[in-house]
Amino acid sequence: MADINRQDIIRGMMAEVDGLSYSMASASLEAVLTLVNQALADHQSIMLSDFGKFGVRHRRARSGSHPRTHQPITIPEVFIPYFTPSPHLKKLVQKSNEKSQ
């Protein structure tokens, strides 16, 4: 199966909604992605029913060692975006997996 890209999503939106133009579908997708990106940048979570939850996790600074020199180093703190699928989405993926086998 091929990966789905932005153009495929826009075409899929046009197929789902009668009369939706390419430019409106593209603008709608851009608006959603902008809102998601901004919320995550502000460390907010986003919950979409029957799809999942987007959020940001904090990893504290910690000590480690350089892989080549084995010298101690400090690994800085980071904020990592994550996605947790909903139970509904997990079931859909599992059903799809069972059909393909």
Protein backbone atom coordinates (compact mmCIF):
# COMPACT_ATOMS: atom_id res chain seq x y z
CA MET A 1 0.00 0.00 0.00
CA ALA A 2 1.23 3.47 -0.87
CA ASP A 3 1.44 6.23 1.69
CA ILE A 4 -1.23 8.91 1.58
CA ASN A 5 -0.02 12.47 1.10
CA ARG A 6 -1.62 15.91 1.39
CA GLN A 7 -3.00 15.81 -2.17
CA ASP A 8 -4.66 12.45 -1.51
CA ILE A 9 -6.34 13.81 1.62
CA ILE A 10 -7.64 16.85 -0.28
CA ARG A 11 -9.03 14.63 -3.05
CA GLY A 12 -10.61 12.37 -0.42
CA MET A 13 -12.25 15.37 1.24
CA MET A 14 -13.65 16.44 -2.14
CA ALA A 15 -15.05 12.94 -2.71
CA GLU A 16 -16.71 12.89 0.73
CA VAL A 17 -18.37 16.32 0.51
CA ASP A 18 -20.44 17.11 -2.58
CA GLY A 19 -19.59 20.45 -4.15
CA LEU A 20 -16.38 20.95 -2.17
CA SER A 21 -13.81 22.62 -4.41
CA TYR A 22 -10.12 21.82 -4.39
CA SER A 23 -9.25 25.25 -2.99
CA MET A 24 -11.81 24.96 -0.17
CA ALA A 25 -10.65 21.45 0.74
CA SER A 26 -7.04 22.61 0.70
CA ALA A 27 -7.83 25.65 2.85
CA SER A 28 -9.80 23.49 5.30
CA LEU A 29 -6.95 21.01 5.66
CA GLU A 30 -4.46 23.86 6.14
CA ALA A 31 -6.69 25.40 8.83
CA VAL A 32 -6.94 22.12 10.74
CA LEU A 33 -3.21 21.45 10.55
CA THR A 34 -2.43 25.02 11.65
CA LEU A 35 -4.72 24.66 14.67
CA VAL A 36 -3.17 21.31 15.62
CA ASN A 37 0.37 22.64 15.23
CA GLN A 38 -0.38 25.75 17.27
CA ALA A 39 -2.06 23.78 20.05
CA LEU A 40 0.89 21.40 20.31
CA ALA A 41 3.35 24.31 20.23
CA ASP A 42 1.41 25.76 23.19
CA HIS A 43 1.66 22.35 24.95
CA GLN A 44 -2.08 21.73 24.72
CA SER A 45 -3.62 18.36 23.91
CA ILE A 46 -6.19 17.71 21.21
CA MET A 47 -8.83 15.02 21.59
CA LEU A 48 -10.73 13.88 18.49
CA SER A 49 -13.49 11.39 19.26
CA ASP A 50 -13.16 8.06 17.43
CA PHE A 51 -9.69 9.08 16.22
CA GLY A 52 -7.33 9.74 19.10
CA LYS A 53 -5.42 12.24 21.18
CA PHE A 54 -2.47 14.42 20.21
CA GLY A 55 -0.35 15.77 23.02
CA VAL A 56 3.10 16.82 24.16
CA ARG A 57 5.29 14.92 26.60
CA HIS A 58 8.12 16.44 28.60
CA ARG A 59 11.41 14.61 28.96
CA ARG A 60 13.54 15.97 31.78
CA ALA A 61 17.23 16.70 31.34
CA ARG A 62 19.32 13.67 32.21
CA SER A 63 22.90 12.50 32.20
CA GLY A 64 24.23 10.08 29.64
CA SER A 65 27.47 9.17 27.90
CA HIS A 66 28.86 10.01 24.49
CA PRO A 67 28.63 6.82 22.38
CA ARG A 68 32.16 7.10 20.95
CA THR A 69 34.17 8.60 23.77
CA HIS A 70 32.04 7.36 26.68
CA GLN A 71 32.50 10.76 28.30
CA PRO A 72 29.62 11.87 30.52
CA ILE A 73 27.28 14.39 28.91
CA THR A 74 24.04 16.12 29.86
CA ILE A 75 21.11 15.39 27.59
CA PRO A 76 18.89 18.50 27.57
CA GLU A 77 15.17 18.50 28.33
CA VAL A 78 12.85 18.21 25.33
CA PHE A 79 9.16 18.33 24.55
CA ILE A 80 7.99 15.50 22.26
CA PRO A 81 4.66 15.40 20.39
CA TYR A 82 2.76 12.10 20.60
CA PHE A 83 -0.40 10.48 19.30
CA THR A 84 -2.56 7.93 21.13
CA PRO A 85 -5.17 6.19 18.97
CA SER A 86 -8.73 5.80 20.24
CA PRO A 87 -10.15 2.33 20.93
CA HIS A 88 -12.36 2.79 17.84
CA LEU A 89 -9.34 3.45 15.60
CA LYS A 90 -7.46 0.50 17.11
CA LYS A 91 -10.41 -1.78 16.26
CA LEU A 92 -10.55 -0.49 12.67
CA VAL A 93 -6.85 -1.13 12.18
CA GLN A 94 -7.13 -4.60 13.71
CA LYS A 95 -10.09 -5.49 11.45
CA SER A 96 -8.11 -4.31 8.45
CA ASN A 97 -5.16 -6.47 9.54
CA GLU A 98 -7.39 -9.55 9.96
CA LYS A 99 -8.88 -9.09 6.45
CA SER A 100 -5.44 -8.88 4.83
CA GLN A 101 -4.27 -12.18 6.34
